[in-house]
C-alpha atoms as a PDB file:
ATOM      1  CA  MET A   1      63.954  59.296 141.717  1.00  0.00           C
ATOM      2  CA  THR A   2      63.354  62.465 139.673  1.00  0.00           C
ATOM      3  CA  GLN A   3      65.067  63.097 136.367  1.00  0.00           C
ATOM      4  CA  SER A   4      68.655  64.337 136.163  1.00  0.00           C
ATOM      5  CA  ARG A   5      69.292  68.060 136.477  1.00  0.00           C
ATOM      6  CA  THR A   6      72.149  70.395 135.697  1.00  0.00           C
ATOM      7  CA  VAL A   7      74.174  72.099 138.385  1.00  0.00           C
ATOM      8  CA  THR A   8      72.638  75.427 137.335  1.00  0.00           C
ATOM      9  CA  GLU A   9      69.112  74.039 137.758  1.00  0.00           C
ATOM     10  CA  LEU A  10      69.967  72.734 141.209  1.00  0.00           C
ATOM     11  CA  ALA A  11      71.515  76.049 142.191  1.00  0.00           C
ATOM     12  CA  ASP A  12      68.370  77.880 141.079  1.00  0.00           C
ATOM     13  CA  TYR A  13      66.265  75.437 143.132  1.00  0.00           C
ATOM     14  CA  LEU A  14      68.341  76.154 146.252  1.00  0.00           C
ATOM     15  CA  GLY A  15      68.879  79.853 145.627  1.00  0.00           C
ATOM     16  CA  GLY A  16      72.623  79.229 145.441  1.00  0.00           C
ATOM     17  CA  VAL A  17      75.499  80.446 143.262  1.00  0.00           C
ATOM     18  CA  VAL A  18      77.407  78.285 140.769  1.00  0.00           C
ATOM     19  CA  GLN A  19      81.187  78.331 140.770  1.00  0.00           C
ATOM     20  CA  GLY A  20      82.551  76.394 137.791  1.00  0.00           C
ATOM     21  CA  ASP A  21      80.683  74.504 135.075  1.00  0.00           C
ATOM     22  CA  GLY A  22      76.943  74.875 135.552  1.00  0.00           C
ATOM     23  CA  SER A  23      76.186  72.484 132.683  1.00  0.00           C
ATOM     24  CA  VAL A  24      77.385  69.396 134.602  1.00  0.00           C
ATOM     25  CA  VAL A  25      74.505  66.920 134.792  1.00  0.00           C
ATOM     26  CA  ILE A  26      73.665  65.511 138.226  1.00  0.00           C
ATOM     27  CA  SER A  27      71.581  62.346 138.590  1.00  0.00           C
ATOM     28  CA  GLY A  28      72.035  61.592 142.282  1.00  0.00           C
ATOM     29  CA  LEU A  29      73.730  62.456 145.553  1.00  0.00           C
ATOM     30  CA  GLY A  30      76.611  60.878 147.427  1.00  0.00           C
ATOM     31  CA  ALA A  31      79.214  61.194 150.171  1.00  0.00           C
ATOM     32  CA  LEU A  32      82.502  63.006 149.602  1.00  0.00           C
ATOM     33  CA  GLU A  33      84.401  59.716 149.627  1.00  0.00           C
ATOM     34  CA  SER A  34      82.129  57.720 147.321  1.00  0.00           C
ATOM     35  CA  ALA A  35      80.244  60.099 145.005  1.00  0.00           C
ATOM     36  CA  GLY A  36      80.838  59.563 141.300  1.00  0.00           C
ATOM     37  CA  PRO A  37      81.052  62.064 138.402  1.00  0.00           C
ATOM     38  CA  ASP A  38      77.253  62.151 137.961  1.00  0.00           C
ATOM     39  CA  ALA A  39      76.598  62.799 141.681  1.00  0.00           C
ATOM     40  CA  LEU A  40      76.607  65.881 143.863  1.00  0.00           C
ATOM     41  CA  THR A  41      78.149  65.817 147.339  1.00  0.00           C
ATOM     42  CA  PHE A  42      78.300  68.373 150.134  1.00  0.00           C
ATOM     43  CA  LEU A  43      80.732  69.892 152.605  1.00  0.00           C
ATOM     44  CA  ALA A  44      79.101  71.068 155.831  1.00  0.00           C
ATOM     45  CA  ASN A  45      82.012  70.740 158.278  1.00  0.00           C
ATOM     46  CA  PRO A  46      85.130  72.793 157.358  1.00  0.00           C
ATOM     47  CA  LYS A  47      87.373  70.228 159.036  1.00  0.00           C
ATOM     48  CA  TYR A  48      86.741  67.916 156.074  1.00  0.00           C
ATOM     49  CA  ALA A  49      87.536  70.603 153.486  1.00  0.00           C
ATOM     50  CA  SER A  50      90.638  68.769 152.235  1.00  0.00           C
ATOM     51  CA  LYS A  51      88.430  65.897 151.024  1.00  0.00           C
ATOM     52  CA  VAL A  52      87.012  68.194 148.351  1.00  0.00           C
ATOM     53  CA  ALA A  53      90.353  67.840 146.568  1.00  0.00           C
ATOM     54  CA  GLU A  54      89.973  64.047 146.553  1.00  0.00           C
ATOM     55  CA  THR A  55      86.310  63.616 145.688  1.00  0.00           C
ATOM     56  CA  SER A  56      85.192  62.321 142.287  1.00  0.00           C
ATOM     57  CA  ALA A  57      81.807  64.040 142.568  1.00  0.00           C
ATOM     58  CA  GLY A  58      80.545  66.094 139.658  1.00  0.00           C
ATOM     59  CA  ALA A  59      79.838  69.027 141.962  1.00  0.00           C
ATOM     60  CA  VAL A  60      80.106  70.021 145.616  1.00  0.00           C
ATOM     61  CA  LEU A  61      77.536  71.861 147.707  1.00  0.00           C
ATOM     62  CA  MET A  62      79.451  74.158 150.064  1.00  0.00           C
ATOM     63  CA  ALA A  63      79.465  77.446 151.928  1.00  0.00           C
ATOM     64  CA  PRO A  64      80.541  80.624 150.077  1.00  0.00           C
ATOM     65  CA  GLY A  65      84.254  81.303 149.921  1.00  0.00           C
ATOM     66  CA  GLY A  66      85.474  77.766 150.563  1.00  0.00           C
ATOM     67  CA  GLU A  67      88.388  76.220 148.648  1.00  0.00           C
ATOM     68  CA  ARG A  68      86.968  74.373 145.604  1.00  0.00           C
ATOM     69  CA  TYR A  69      90.217  72.706 144.484  1.00  0.00           C
ATOM     70  CA  GLY A  70      89.041  73.234 140.915  1.00  0.00           C
ATOM     71  CA  ARG A  71      85.725  71.455 141.481  1.00  0.00           C
ATOM     72  CA  THR A  72      82.381  72.786 140.296  1.00  0.00           C
ATOM     73  CA  ALA A  73      80.476  74.023 143.314  1.00  0.00           C
ATOM     74  CA  ILE A  74      77.097  75.357 144.380  1.00  0.00           C
ATOM     75  CA  GLU A  75      77.553  77.893 147.159  1.00  0.00           C
ATOM     76  CA  VAL A  76      74.746  78.210 149.710  1.00  0.00           C
ATOM     77  CA  ALA A  77      74.672  79.637 153.219  1.00  0.00           C
ATOM     78  CA  ASN A  78      73.666  76.312 154.801  1.00  0.00           C
ATOM     79  CA  PRO A  79      75.038  73.318 152.839  1.00  0.00           C
ATOM     80  CA  TYR A  80      73.555  70.765 155.246  1.00  0.00           C
ATOM     81  CA  LEU A  81      70.059  72.171 154.770  1.00  0.00           C
ATOM     82  CA  GLY A  82      70.622  72.426 151.018  1.00  0.00           C
ATOM     83  CA  PHE A  83      71.642  68.789 150.816  1.00  0.00           C
ATOM     84  CA  ALA A  84      68.521  67.791 152.766  1.00  0.00           C
ATOM     85  CA  LYS A  85      66.380  69.676 150.245  1.00  0.00           C
ATOM     86  CA  LEU A  86      68.108  67.924 147.354  1.00  0.00           C
ATOM     87  CA  LEU A  87      67.549  64.535 148.983  1.00  0.00           C
ATOM     88  CA  THR A  88      63.861  65.403 149.049  1.00  0.00           C
ATOM     89  CA  LEU A  89      63.976  66.535 145.431  1.00  0.00           C
ATOM     90  CA  PHE A  90      65.778  63.457 144.088  1.00  0.00           C
ATOM     91  CA  TYR A  91      64.471  60.636 146.223  1.00  0.00           C
ATOM     92  CA  THR A  92      61.034  61.553 147.595  1.00  0.00           C
ATOM     93  CA  THR A  93      57.957  61.058 145.442  1.00  0.00           C
ATOM     94  CA  PRO A  94      54.344  61.810 146.408  1.00  0.00           C
ATOM     95  CA  HIS A  95      52.482  58.798 147.756  1.00  0.00           C
ATOM     96  CA  LYS A  96      49.838  57.549 145.355  1.00  0.00           C
ATOM     97  CA  ALA A  97      46.372  57.578 146.886  1.00  0.00           C
ATOM     98  CA  LEU A  98      45.252  53.968 147.414  1.00  0.00           C
ATOM     99  CA  GLY A  99      42.086  54.434 149.453  1.00  0.00           C
ATOM    100  CA  VAL A 100      41.067  51.751 151.943  1.00  0.00           C
ATOM    101  CA  LEU A 101      42.743  48.516 150.868  1.00  0.00           C
ATOM    102  CA  PRO A 102      41.308  45.034 151.475  1.00  0.00           C
ATOM    103  CA  ALA A 103      41.955  43.525 154.930  1.00  0.00           C
ATOM    104  CA  ALA A 104      42.086  46.924 156.610  1.00  0.00           C
ATOM    105  CA  ILE A 105      39.695  46.961 159.568  1.00  0.00           C
ATOM    106  CA  VAL A 106      37.785  50.228 159.368  1.00  0.00           C
ATOM    107  CA  SER A 107      34.750  51.269 161.397  1.00  0.00           C
ATOM    108  CA  GLU A 108      31.723  52.313 159.415  1.00  0.00           C
ATOM    109  CA  THR A 109      31.644  55.534 161.412  1.00  0.00           C
ATOM    110  CA  ALA A 110      35.201  56.547 160.471  1.00  0.00           C
ATOM    111  CA  THR A 111      35.639  59.508 158.113  1.00  0.00           C
ATOM    112  CA  ILE A 112      38.534  58.942 155.719  1.00  0.00           C
ATOM    113  CA  ASP A 113      39.455  61.339 152.932  1.00  0.00           C
ATOM    114  CA  GLU A 114      39.442  59.667 149.525  1.00  0.00           C
ATOM    115  CA  GLY A 115      43.052  60.753 148.995  1.00  0.00           C
ATOM    116  CA  ALA A 116      44.261  58.779 152.024  1.00  0.00           C
ATOM    117  CA  SER A 117      45.836  55.299 151.931  1.00  0.00           C
ATOM    118  CA  ILE A 118      44.829  52.724 154.546  1.00  0.00           C
ATOM    119  CA  TYR A 119      46.922  49.560 154.298  1.00  0.00           C
ATOM    120  CA  PRO A 120      45.871  45.975 155.036  1.00  0.00           C
ATOM    121  CA  GLY A 121      46.160  45.004 158.686  1.00  0.00           C
ATOM    122  CA  SER A 122      45.609  48.499 160.032  1.00  0.00           C
ATOM    123  CA  CYS A 123      42.713  49.067 162.425  1.00  0.00           C
ATOM    124  CA  ILE A 124      40.654  52.249 162.357  1.00  0.00           C
ATOM    125  CA  GLY A 125      38.218  52.738 165.263  1.00  0.00           C
ATOM    126  CA  ARG A 126      34.849  54.422 165.580  1.00  0.00           C
ATOM    127  CA  ASN A 127      34.486  58.091 164.674  1.00  0.00           C
ATOM    128  CA  VAL A 128      38.115  58.369 163.577  1.00  0.00           C
ATOM    129  CA  ALA A 129      38.825  61.234 161.160  1.00  0.00           C
ATOM    130  CA  ILE A 130      41.717  60.908 158.681  1.00  0.00           C
ATOM    131  CA  GLY A 131      42.752  63.813 156.449  1.00  0.00           C
ATOM    132  CA  LYS A 132      43.946  64.257 152.897  1.00  0.00           C
ATOM    133  CA  ARG A 133      46.907  62.244 151.609  1.00  0.00           C
ATOM    134  CA  THR A 134      47.529  60.620 154.994  1.00  0.00           C
ATOM    135  CA  VAL A 135      48.994  57.096 154.938  1.00  0.00           C
ATOM    136  CA  VAL A 136      48.300  54.454 157.605  1.00  0.00           C
ATOM    137  CA  TYR A 137      50.581  51.417 157.270  1.00  0.00           C
ATOM    138  CA  PRO A 138      49.917  47.773 158.237  1.00  0.00           C
ATOM    139  CA  GLY A 139      49.486  47.018 161.908  1.00  0.00           C
ATOM    140  CA  ALA A 140      48.856  50.627 162.905  1.00  0.00           C
ATOM    141  CA  VAL A 141      45.931  51.089 165.292  1.00  0.00           C
ATOM    142  CA  LEU A 142      43.837  54.237 165.683  1.00  0.00           C
ATOM    143  CA  TYR A 143      41.505  53.978 168.666  1.00  0.00           C
ATOM    144  CA  ASP A 144      38.010  55.504 168.751  1.00  0.00           C
ATOM    145  CA  ASN A 145      37.574  59.256 168.195  1.00  0.00           C
ATOM    146  CA  VAL A 146      41.151  59.847 167.036  1.00  0.00           C
ATOM    147  CA  SER A 147      41.754  62.750 164.656  1.00  0.00           C
ATOM    148  CA  ILE A 148      44.604  62.647 162.108  1.00  0.00           C
ATOM    149  CA  GLY A 149      45.313  65.669 159.878  1.00  0.00           C
ATOM    150  CA  ASP A 150      46.473  65.991 156.276  1.00  0.00           C
ATOM    151  CA  ASP A 151      49.725  64.585 154.829  1.00  0.00           C
ATOM    152  CA  CYS A 152      50.525  62.461 157.871  1.00  0.00           C
ATOM    153  CA  THR A 153      52.353  59.140 157.891  1.00  0.00           C
ATOM    154  CA  ILE A 154      51.428  56.566 160.537  1.00  0.00           C
ATOM    155  CA  HIS A 155      53.978  53.776 160.202  1.00  0.00           C
ATOM    156  CA  ALA A 156      53.565  50.077 160.885  1.00  0.00           C
ATOM    157  CA  ASN A 157      52.522  49.027 164.400  1.00  0.00           C
ATOM    158  CA  ALA A 158      52.194  52.578 165.672  1.00  0.00           C
ATOM    159  CA  VAL A 159      49.279  53.217 168.045  1.00  0.00           C
ATOM    160  CA  VAL A 160      47.252  56.381 168.565  1.00  0.00           C
ATOM    161  CA  ARG A 161      44.874  55.892 171.458  1.00  0.00           C
ATOM    162  CA  GLU A 162      41.365  57.193 172.039  1.00  0.00           C
ATOM    163  CA  ARG A 163      40.542  60.851 171.477  1.00  0.00           C
ATOM    164  CA  CYS A 164      44.123  61.909 170.767  1.00  0.00           C
ATOM    165  CA  ARG A 165      44.662  64.490 168.040  1.00  0.00           C
ATOM    166  CA  VAL A 166      47.413  64.584 165.422  1.00  0.00           C
ATOM    167  CA  GLY A 167      47.938  67.696 163.285  1.00  0.00           C
ATOM    168  CA  ASN A 168      49.067  68.063 159.683  1.00  0.00           C
ATOM    169  CA  ARG A 169      52.283  66.679 158.194  1.00  0.00           C
ATOM    170  CA  CYS A 170      53.089  64.591 161.264  1.00  0.00           C
ATOM    171  CA  ILE A 171      55.158  61.404 161.090  1.00  0.00           C
ATOM    172  CA  ILE A 172      54.778  58.619 163.656  1.00  0.00           C
ATOM    173  CA  GLN A 173      57.461  55.967 163.234  1.00  0.00           C
ATOM    174  CA  PRO A 174      56.965  52.196 163.757  1.00  0.00           C
ATOM    175  CA  GLY A 175      56.086  51.055 167.256  1.00  0.00           C
ATOM    176  CA  ALA A 176      55.457  54.522 168.680  1.00  0.00           C
ATOM    177  CA  VAL A 177      52.541  54.939 171.084  1.00  0.00           C
ATOM    178  CA  ILE A 178      50.608  58.177 171.349  1.00  0.00           C
ATOM    179  CA  GLY A 179      48.258  58.405 174.314  1.00  0.00           C
ATOM    180  CA  SER A 180      49.471  55.533 176.478  1.00  0.00           C
ATOM    181  CA  ASP A 181      48.330  55.801 180.095  1.00  0.00           C
ATOM    182  CA  GLY A 182      50.326  58.133 182.301  1.00  0.00           C
ATOM    183  CA  PHE A 183      52.170  56.548 185.229  1.00  0.00           C
ATOM    184  CA  GLY A 184      49.806  57.569 188.009  1.00  0.00           C
ATOM    185  CA  TYR A 185      49.150  55.659 191.256  1.00  0.00           C
ATOM    186  CA  ALA A 186      47.966  56.736 194.696  1.00  0.00           C
ATOM    187  CA  PRO A 187      49.283  54.812 197.742  1.00  0.00           C
ATOM    188  CA  ASP A 188      46.415  53.331 199.754  1.00  0.00           C
ATOM    189  CA  GLY A 189      48.392  52.050 202.707  1.00  0.00           C
ATOM    190  CA  SER A 190      49.025  48.541 201.467  1.00  0.00           C
ATOM    191  CA  GLY A 191      49.598  49.081 197.754  1.00  0.00           C
ATOM    192  CA  TYR A 192      48.849  51.522 194.977  1.00  0.00           C
ATOM    193  CA  TYR A 193      45.484  52.612 193.588  1.00  0.00           C
ATOM    194  CA  ARG A 194      45.535  53.166 189.841  1.00  0.00           C
ATOM    195  CA  ILE A 195      44.577  56.732 188.852  1.00  0.00           C
ATOM    196  CA  PRO A 196      42.532  56.785 185.629  1.00  0.00           C
ATOM    197  CA  GLN A 197      44.252  58.853 182.956  1.00  0.00           C
ATOM    198  CA  ILE A 198      41.350  60.610 181.248  1.00  0.00           C
ATOM    199  CA  GLY A 199      43.214  63.319 179.302  1.00  0.00           C
ATOM    200  CA  ILE A 200      44.583  63.199 175.761  1.00  0.00           C
ATOM    201  CA  VAL A 201      47.700  63.894 173.694  1.00  0.00           C
ATOM    202  CA  VAL A 202      47.827  66.618 171.061  1.00  0.00           C
ATOM    203  CA  LEU A 203      50.549  66.582 168.407  1.00  0.00           C
ATOM    204  CA  GLU A 204      50.595  69.894 166.580  1.00  0.00           C
ATOM    205  CA  ASP A 205      51.584  70.342 162.913  1.00  0.00           C
ATOM    206  CA  ASP A 206      54.933  69.020 161.635  1.00  0.00           C
ATOM    207  CA  VAL A 207      55.686  66.947 164.728  1.00  0.00           C
ATOM    208  CA  GLU A 208      57.671  63.721 164.272  1.00  0.00           C
ATOM    209  CA  ILE A 209      57.723  60.844 166.762  1.00  0.00           C
ATOM    210  CA  GLY A 210      60.580  58.322 166.589  1.00  0.00           C
ATOM    211  CA  ALA A 211      60.291  54.545 166.623  1.00  0.00           C
ATOM    212  CA  ASN A 212      59.233  52.967 169.927  1.00  0.00           C
ATOM    213  CA  SER A 213      58.776  56.342 171.593  1.00  0.00           C
ATOM    214  CA  CYS A 214      55.872  56.906 173.985  1.00  0.00           C
ATOM    215  CA  VAL A 215      53.888  60.052 174.702  1.00  0.00           C
ATOM    216  CA  ASP A 216      51.593  59.515 177.689  1.00  0.00           C
ATOM    217  CA  ARG A 217      48.096  60.966 177.815  1.00  0.00           C
ATOM    218  CA  ALA A 218      47.387  63.587 180.456  1.00  0.00           C
ATOM    219  CA  ALA A 219      45.813  62.619 183.738  1.00  0.00           C
ATOM    220  CA  ILE A 220      43.045  65.172 183.198  1.00  0.00           C
ATOM    221  CA  GLU A 221      43.770  67.658 180.394  1.00  0.00           C
ATOM    222  CA  VAL A 222      46.381  67.589 177.592  1.00  0.00           C
ATOM    223  CA  THR A 223      49.924  66.394 177.008  1.00  0.00           C
ATOM    224  CA  ARG A 224      51.059  68.638 174.150  1.00  0.00           C
ATOM    225  CA  ILE A 225      53.907  68.390 171.655  1.00  0.00           C
ATOM    226  CA  SER A 226      53.994  71.740 169.877  1.00  0.00           C
ATOM    227  CA  ARG A 227      54.565  72.572 166.231  1.00  0.00           C
ATOM    228  CA  GLY A 228      57.739  71.376 164.559  1.00  0.00           C
ATOM    229  CA  THR A 229      59.174  69.405 167.468  1.00  0.00           C
ATOM    230  CA  LYS A 230      61.027  66.177 166.642  1.00  0.00           C
ATOM    231  CA  LEU A 231      61.389  63.154 168.923  1.00  0.00           C
ATOM    232  CA  ASP A 232      64.063  60.550 168.223  1.00  0.00           C
ATOM    233  CA  ASN A 233      63.630  56.823 168.872  1.00  0.00           C
ATOM    234  CA  LEU A 234      63.060  55.506 172.409  1.00  0.00           C
ATOM    235  CA  VAL A 235      61.920  58.775 173.974  1.00  0.00           C
ATOM    236  CA  GLN A 236      59.506  58.864 176.936  1.00  0.00           C
ATOM    237  CA  ILE A 237      57.250  61.891 177.475  1.00  0.00           C
ATOM    238  CA  ALA A 238      55.203  61.528 180.669  1.00  0.00           C
ATOM    239  CA  HIS A 239      51.675  62.733 181.352  1.00  0.00           C
ATOM    240  CA  ASN A 240      50.760  66.426 181.341  1.00  0.00           C
ATOM    241  CA  CYS A 241      54.073  67.547 179.825  1.00  0.00           C
ATOM    242  CA  GLN A 242      54.040  70.616 177.594  1.00  0.00           C
ATOM    243  CA  ILE A 243      56.788  70.547 174.964  1.00  0.00           C
ATOM    244  CA  GLY A 244      57.386  73.768 173.008  1.00  0.00           C
ATOM    245  CA  GLU A 245      57.928  74.443 169.320  1.00  0.00           C
ATOM    246  CA  ASP A 246      60.888  73.270 167.235  1.00  0.00           C
ATOM    247  CA  CYS A 247      62.496  71.224 169.992  1.00  0.00           C
ATOM    248  CA  MET A 248      64.932  68.381 169.299  1.00  0.00           C
ATOM    249  CA  ILE A 249      64.633  65.508 171.779  1.00  0.00           C
ATOM    250  CA  VAL A 250      67.233  62.836 171.148  1.00  0.00           C
ATOM    251  CA  SER A 251      67.156  59.084 171.770  1.00  0.00           C
ATOM    252  CA  GLN A 252      66.529  57.701 175.269  1.00  0.00           C
ATOM    253  CA  VAL A 253      65.510  61.016 176.783  1.00  0.00           C
ATOM    254  CA  GLY A 254      62.977  60.691 179.611  1.00  0.00           C
ATOM    255  CA  ILE A 255      60.835  63.632 180.708  1.00  0.00           C
ATOM    256  CA  SER A 256      58.834  63.229 183.909  1.00  0.00           C
ATOM    257  CA  GLY A 257      55.267  64.378 184.397  1.00  0.00           C
ATOM    258  CA  SER A 258      53.975  67.966 184.258  1.00  0.00           C
ATOM    259  CA  THR A 259      57.278  69.405 183.061  1.00  0.00           C
ATOM    260  CA  ARG A 260      57.211  72.372 180.699  1.00  0.00           C
ATOM    261  CA  ILE A 261      59.809  72.664 177.950  1.00  0.00           C
ATOM    262  CA  GLY A 262      60.219  75.962 176.062  1.00  0.00           C
ATOM    263  CA  ASN A 263      60.755  76.573 172.356  1.00  0.00           C
ATOM    264  CA  HIS A 264      63.917  75.590 170.456  1.00  0.00           C
ATOM    265  CA  VAL A 265      65.185  73.360 173.244  1.00  0.00           C
ATOM    266  CA  THR A 266      67.621  70.514 172.496  1.00  0.00           C
ATOM    267  CA  LEU A 267      67.880  67.569 174.887  1.00  0.00           C
ATOM    268  CA  ALA A 268      70.771  65.323 173.834  1.00  0.00           C
ATOM    269  CA  GLY A 269      70.818  61.551 174.217  1.00  0.00           C
ATOM    270  CA  GLN A 270      69.887  59.951 177.561  1.00  0.00           C
ATOM    271  CA  VAL A 271      68.996  63.193 179.304  1.00  0.00           C
ATOM    272  CA  GLY A 272      66.712  62.652 182.287  1.00  0.00           C
ATOM    273  CA  VAL A 273      64.370  65.459 183.344  1.00  0.00           C
ATOM    274  CA  ALA A 274      62.589  65.500 186.705  1.00  0.00           C
ATOM    275  CA  GLY A 275      58.903  66.337 186.970  1.00  0.00           C
ATOM    276  CA  HIS A 276      57.057  69.594 187.644  1.00  0.00           C
ATOM    277  CA  LEU A 277      59.854  71.871 186.457  1.00  0.00           C
ATOM    278  CA  SER A 278      60.446  74.296 183.578  1.00  0.00           C
ATOM    279  CA  ILE A 279      63.166  74.536 180.952  1.00  0.00           C
ATOM    280  CA  GLY A 280      63.397  77.902 179.215  1.00  0.00           C
ATOM    281  CA  ASP A 281      63.606  78.707 175.511  1.00  0.00           C
ATOM    282  CA  ASN A 282      66.797  78.034 173.524  1.00  0.00           C
ATOM    283  CA  VAL A 283      68.317  75.705 176.108  1.00  0.00           C
ATOM    284  CA  LEU A 284      70.790  72.958 175.191  1.00  0.00           C
ATOM    285  CA  VAL A 285      71.268  70.067 177.625  1.00  0.00           C
ATOM    286  CA  GLY A 286      74.253  67.789 176.953  1.00  0.00           C
ATOM    287  CA  ALA A 287      74.100  64.010 176.686  1.00  0.00           C
ATOM    288  CA  GLN A 288      73.521  61.878 179.812  1.00  0.00           C
ATOM    289  CA  SER A 289      72.720  64.923 181.919  1.00  0.00           C
ATOM    290  CA  GLY A 290      70.304  64.795 184.849  1.00  0.00           C
ATOM    291  CA  VAL A 291      67.996  67.797 185.243  1.00  0.00           C
ATOM    292  CA  PRO A 292      66.670  67.972 188.842  1.00  0.00           C
ATOM    293  CA  SER A 293      65.479  71.592 188.793  1.00  0.00           C
ATOM    294  CA  SER A 294      64.275  74.282 186.418  1.00  0.00           C
ATOM    295  CA  LEU A 295      66.747  75.763 183.912  1.00  0.00           C
ATOM    296  CA  PRO A 296      66.741  79.413 182.771  1.00  0.00           C
ATOM    297  CA  ALA A 297      66.509  80.228 179.073  1.00  0.00           C
ATOM    298  CA  ASN A 298      69.260  80.872 176.522  1.00  0.00           C
ATOM    299  CA  ALA A 299      72.042  78.745 177.989  1.00  0.00           C
ATOM    300  CA  ALA A 300      73.787  75.387 177.691  1.00  0.00           C
ATOM    301  CA  TYR A 301      73.953  72.877 180.541  1.00  0.00           C
ATOM    302  CA  SER A 302      75.630  69.538 181.186  1.00  0.00           C
ATOM    303  CA  GLY A 303      76.284  67.059 183.974  1.00  0.00           C
ATOM    304  CA  SER A 304      74.277  65.286 186.631  1.00  0.00           C
ATOM    305  CA  PRO A 305      73.030  67.321 188.351  1.00  0.00           C
ATOM    306  CA  THR A 306      73.148  69.872 185.560  1.00  0.00           C
ATOM    307  CA  MET A 307      75.327  72.951 185.750  1.00  0.00           C
ATOM    308  CA  PRO A 308      76.335  75.556 183.147  1.00  0.00           C
ATOM    309  CA  HIS A 309      78.210  73.748 180.398  1.00  0.00           C
ATOM    310  CA  LYS A 310      81.481  75.673 180.821  1.00  0.00           C
ATOM    311  CA  GLU A 311      81.555  74.889 184.538  1.00  0.00           C
ATOM    312  CA  TRP A 312      80.890  71.234 183.785  1.00  0.00           C
ATOM    313  CA  LEU A 313      83.808  71.174 181.318  1.00  0.00           C
ATOM    314  CA  LYS A 314      86.117  72.498 184.028  1.00  0.00           C
ATOM    315  CA  SER A 315      84.838  69.878 186.474  1.00  0.00           C
ATOM    316  CA  ALA A 316      85.194  67.108 183.921  1.00  0.00           C
ATOM    317  CA  MET A 317      88.836  68.009 183.406  1.00  0.00           C
ATOM    318  CA  VAL A 318      89.493  67.523 187.128  1.00  0.00           C
ATOM    319  CA  VAL A 319      87.923  64.052 187.388  1.00  0.00           C
ATOM    320  CA  PRO A 320      90.772  62.074 185.720  1.00  0.00           C
ATOM    321  CA  ARG A 321      93.234  63.712 188.126  1.00  0.00           C
ATOM    322  CA  LEU A 322      91.339  62.774 191.302  1.00  0.00           C
ATOM    323  CA  PRO A 323      93.407  59.625 192.106  1.00  0.00           C
ATOM    324  CA  GLU A 324      96.627  61.634 191.845  1.00  0.00           C
ATOM    325  CA  MET A 325      95.120  64.477 193.865  1.00  0.00           C
ATOM    326  CA  ARG A 326      94.041  62.011 196.560  1.00  0.00           C
ATOM    327  CA  LYS A 327      97.612  60.737 196.877  1.00  0.00           C
ATOM    328  CA  THR A 328      98.883  64.324 197.088  1.00  0.00           C
ATOM    329  CA  VAL A 329      96.370  65.245 199.793  1.00  0.00           C
ATOM    330  CA  SER A 330      97.254  62.094 201.772  1.00  0.00           C
ATOM    331  CA  ALA A 331     100.941  62.958 201.559  1.00  0.00           C
ATOM    332  CA  LEU A 332     100.245  66.531 202.686  1.00  0.00           C
ATOM    333  CA  GLU A 333      98.146  65.291 205.603  1.00  0.00           C
ATOM    334  CA  LYS A 334     101.015  63.049 206.657  1.00  0.00           C
ATOM    335  CA  ARG A 335     103.539  65.899 206.463  1.00  0.00           C
ATOM    336  CA  VAL A 336     101.234  68.255 208.394  1.00  0.00           C
ATOM    337  CA  ALA A 337     100.823  65.597 211.093  1.00  0.00           C
ATOM    338  CA  GLU A 338     104.604  65.197 211.319  1.00  0.00           C
ATOM    339  CA  LEU A 339     105.111  68.983 211.570  1.00  0.00           C
ATOM    340  CA  GLU A 340     102.459  69.256 214.289  1.00  0.00           C
ATOM    341  CA  ALA A 341     104.148  66.481 216.216  1.00  0.00           C
ATOM    342  CA  LYS A 342     107.517  68.259 216.004  1.00  0.00           C
ATOM    343  CA  LEU A 343     105.969  71.541 217.088  1.00  0.00           C
ATOM    344  CA  ASN A 344     104.331  69.855 220.046  1.00  0.00           C
ATOM    345  CA  GLN A 345     107.657  68.286 221.009  1.00  0.00           C
ATOM    346  CA  ILE A 346     109.487  71.641 220.778  1.00  0.00           C
ATOM    347  CA  SER A 347     106.745  73.274 222.798  1.00  0.00           C
ATOM    348  CA  GLN A 348     107.047  70.639 225.545  1.00  0.00           C
ATOM    349  CA  GLU A 349     110.869  70.875 225.663  1.00  0.00           C
ATOM    350  CA  SER A 350     110.722  74.632 226.000  1.00  0.00           C
END
């Protein structure tokens, strides 16, 4: 952890404004409920504003104009982002360059920057290139002809398969697989003929891949995850997909082959996306939704099959009432049948 800093120093670091005593010394960060007098906490959701009155924190990071309840505060436009930056400041230290450590298996043809760290038990294949300050942890495997950029972290037991390319500042969490074979088979009349997957995966700069996620190599060309996109744990990206910039793809999402995702798209947990379709820029798809067809840009969708989110909310409100509505419809059908019978009887008598 870095040394303690005053509230004024932290405000200057964030570009924020101090309200209260800027000389308070902060040595760590904490939650509203548990932070002590030497810690800074944050308020991002106004619904928890009353907890500011109860906190013991030395200072609160909050949006401008909020009620401080007499507490020292740093006001910033985005408290959540500010708190993330302070977490980096207080708790993240540069990784010391260790070079290639004993018991790492490294091909003689690999090119590894002297500022990189290659841990014991990792396996680096032929003609692999590893950039400055990149760290490869135990059990990670880089197949032949893989390229890894600068400032990357390849965590334990992650795999990057042959010829795949990873940009700068990428993070691949434990157990993730980059470049696994795409799911491609041709029926031959009695079974399925395996289609060789000869393409690659490209992760552009600042991409993060969650634990046990898989990004399949393209059948022929490239599966691409564009700059700044983040994948949560247990995500499946199929072959030939093109994922845009700054997307957020949450746990257990599955995207079928050859689908194109635009920029700034959010797919919430357990969304399933069919293959060979397009999702436009700035789309939000709600949790557990099924996407069977392309979605236009700049809108929110939910449901299975997906529909505009507001329409889905209206539909969802009806579902709990269906049993009652069924009884009502049955009763109406019975009454209509009785009225028809009476009308028929009157008609016959007349």
